[in-house]
Amino acid sequence: MMPSSAIQQLNELIAEGKVVLVNECNLKMADKAVYAATYENLAKVMIDPRRPNKNKGEVCSLAYAKATGIPVFATDEMNLQPIIDTQLNTGIDDITCIRIVDIIEKAYQGEIAVPRKVCKALWIICGKLKETFDREIWPLE
């Protein structure tokens, strides 16, 4: 479903060691327990039984982040941080959400060193239109 250019860029990032694909099956037993408990907790508030696949990816990813101590979670959901604060953050291994558009904006402003090509790949992987990126988010000059 993704454009082949986005898949190619993602594969390049993986080959360069800048992106790592993870899987909860490879977690240690204690981390699997944290993952399962976190998943169950988040699923109660984020997954609608009538639409069980909506938000499932974020629930899985957040559970993995909590289980492994990943402190920053990139998302495109505007209202995710309050859910994380009430459901997950206890003062130990807290998670801060940052939206993809915020990352791209910081890169565009030169606050972080992420090339336009990588930002565009992130944008496209999130299901956003490349034309919007090129016209509105980070126009070519």
Protein backbone atom coordinates (compact mmCIF):
# COMPACT_ATOMS: atom_id res chain seq x y z
CA MET A 1 0.00 0.00 0.00
CA MET A 2 2.99 2.30 0.39
CA PRO A 3 4.66 3.92 -2.59
CA SER A 4 7.71 1.99 -3.76
CA SER A 5 9.88 5.08 -3.17
CA ALA A 6 8.93 5.10 0.51
CA ILE A 7 9.67 1.38 0.81
CA GLN A 8 13.02 1.89 -0.92
CA GLN A 9 13.94 4.75 1.43
CA LEU A 10 12.91 2.70 4.46
CA ASN A 11 15.01 -0.24 3.25
CA GLU A 12 17.97 2.12 2.81
CA LEU A 13 17.56 3.39 6.38
CA ILE A 14 17.46 -0.19 7.63
CA ALA A 15 20.58 -1.09 5.62
CA GLU A 16 22.39 1.97 7.03
CA GLY A 17 21.44 0.93 10.57
CA LYS A 18 19.37 4.07 11.11
CA VAL A 19 16.11 2.14 11.43
CA VAL A 20 15.66 -1.15 13.24
CA LEU A 21 12.61 -3.36 12.82
CA VAL A 22 11.52 -4.90 16.11
CA ASN A 23 9.13 -7.62 17.17
CA GLU A 24 7.64 -8.37 20.59
CA CYS A 25 8.34 -12.08 20.08
CA ASN A 26 12.03 -11.38 20.67
CA LEU A 27 11.52 -9.77 24.08
CA LYS A 28 12.83 -11.34 27.27
CA MET A 29 10.21 -12.96 29.50
CA ALA A 30 9.96 -10.03 31.94
CA ASP A 31 9.69 -7.55 29.07
CA LYS A 32 7.01 -9.71 27.44
CA ALA A 33 4.98 -9.47 30.65
CA VAL A 34 5.28 -5.67 30.63
CA TYR A 35 4.38 -5.65 26.94
CA ALA A 36 1.27 -7.80 27.48
CA ALA A 37 0.07 -5.77 30.47
CA THR A 38 0.66 -2.49 28.66
CA TYR A 39 -1.06 -3.73 25.53
CA GLU A 40 -4.11 -4.85 27.53
CA ASN A 41 -4.25 -1.54 29.43
CA LEU A 42 -4.03 0.58 26.27
CA ALA A 43 -6.36 -1.64 24.27
CA LYS A 44 -9.15 -0.94 26.77
CA VAL A 45 -9.06 2.77 26.00
CA MET A 46 -7.71 2.90 22.44
CA ILE A 47 -9.28 -0.02 20.58
CA ASP A 48 -12.96 -0.06 19.74
CA PRO A 49 -14.23 -3.67 19.55
CA ARG A 50 -16.31 -2.67 16.52
CA ARG A 51 -13.10 -1.56 14.74
CA PRO A 52 -10.42 -3.80 16.26
CA ASN A 53 -7.65 -2.88 13.81
CA LYS A 54 -7.94 0.87 14.29
CA ASN A 55 -5.13 2.04 16.60
CA LYS A 56 -3.82 -1.52 16.98
CA GLY A 57 -0.45 -0.57 15.49
CA GLU A 58 0.00 2.28 17.93
CA VAL A 59 -1.07 0.13 20.86
CA CYS A 60 1.48 -2.55 19.87
CA SER A 61 4.20 0.03 19.32
CA LEU A 62 3.52 1.84 22.58
CA ALA A 63 3.50 -1.43 24.49
CA TYR A 64 6.87 -2.26 22.95
CA ALA A 65 8.22 1.19 23.83
CA LYS A 66 7.10 0.80 27.45
CA ALA A 67 8.51 -2.73 27.73
CA THR A 68 11.90 -1.72 26.35
CA GLY A 69 12.24 1.77 27.83
CA ILE A 70 11.97 3.75 24.60
CA PRO A 71 11.33 7.30 25.87
CA VAL A 72 10.11 9.04 22.69
CA PHE A 73 7.26 7.84 20.50
CA ALA A 74 6.74 9.33 17.05
CA THR A 75 3.09 9.51 16.08
CA ASP A 76 0.62 11.39 13.95
CA GLU A 77 -2.10 11.32 16.60
CA MET A 78 -2.74 14.76 18.03
CA ASN A 79 -4.33 13.64 21.31
CA LEU A 80 -2.16 10.66 22.21
CA GLN A 81 0.00 12.24 24.94
CA PRO A 82 -2.88 12.64 27.45
CA ILE A 83 -3.73 8.95 27.03
CA ILE A 84 -0.09 7.99 27.58
CA ASP A 85 0.12 10.24 30.63
CA THR A 86 -2.92 8.69 32.29
CA GLN A 87 -2.45 5.07 31.18
CA LEU A 88 1.33 4.53 31.08
CA ASN A 89 3.44 7.28 32.57
CA THR A 90 4.23 6.65 36.22
CA GLY A 91 7.53 8.47 36.53
CA ILE A 92 9.48 5.35 35.50
CA ASP A 93 10.35 4.91 31.82
CA ASP A 94 7.83 7.58 30.83
CA ILE A 95 7.03 8.06 27.17
CA THR A 96 6.83 11.42 25.40
CA CYS A 97 4.90 11.57 22.15
CA ILE A 98 6.13 13.69 19.30
CA ARG A 99 4.17 14.10 16.13
CA ILE A 100 5.78 13.36 12.77
CA VAL A 101 4.92 16.84 11.56
CA ASP A 102 6.77 18.28 14.61
CA ILE A 103 9.89 16.27 13.75
CA ILE A 104 9.75 17.43 10.15
CA GLU A 105 9.21 21.04 11.20
CA LYS A 106 12.26 20.90 13.50
CA ALA A 107 14.33 19.43 10.67
CA TYR A 108 13.10 22.08 8.24
CA GLN A 109 14.03 24.81 10.74
CA GLY A 110 17.48 23.24 11.22
CA GLU A 111 16.86 22.39 14.90
CA ILE A 112 17.63 18.72 14.27
CA ALA A 113 19.79 17.14 11.58
CA VAL A 114 17.34 15.07 9.57
CA PRO A 115 17.60 15.40 5.78
CA ARG A 116 14.59 16.36 3.68
CA LYS A 117 14.67 12.95 1.96
CA VAL A 118 14.28 11.14 5.29
CA CYS A 119 11.53 13.51 6.41
CA LYS A 120 9.66 12.96 3.16
CA ALA A 121 9.93 9.19 3.63
CA LEU A 122 8.51 9.51 7.15
CA TRP A 123 5.67 11.64 5.80
CA ILE A 124 4.83 9.15 3.06
CA ILE A 125 5.13 6.12 5.37
CA CYS A 126 2.51 7.79 7.58
CA GLY A 127 0.14 7.68 4.64
CA LYS A 128 0.36 11.36 3.85
CA LEU A 129 0.44 12.71 0.32
CA LYS A 130 3.87 13.51 -1.08
CA GLU A 131 2.35 16.45 -2.95
CA THR A 132 1.32 18.00 0.37
CA PHE A 133 4.84 17.52 1.68
CA ASP A 134 6.36 19.11 -1.42
CA ARG A 135 3.91 22.03 -1.54
CA GLU A 136 3.12 22.80 2.10
CA ILE A 137 5.43 21.04 4.55
CA TRP A 138 8.91 21.34 2.99
CA PRO A 139 8.76 22.96 -0.45
CA LEU A 140 11.79 22.71 -2.69
CA GLU A 141 13.31 26.14 -3.13
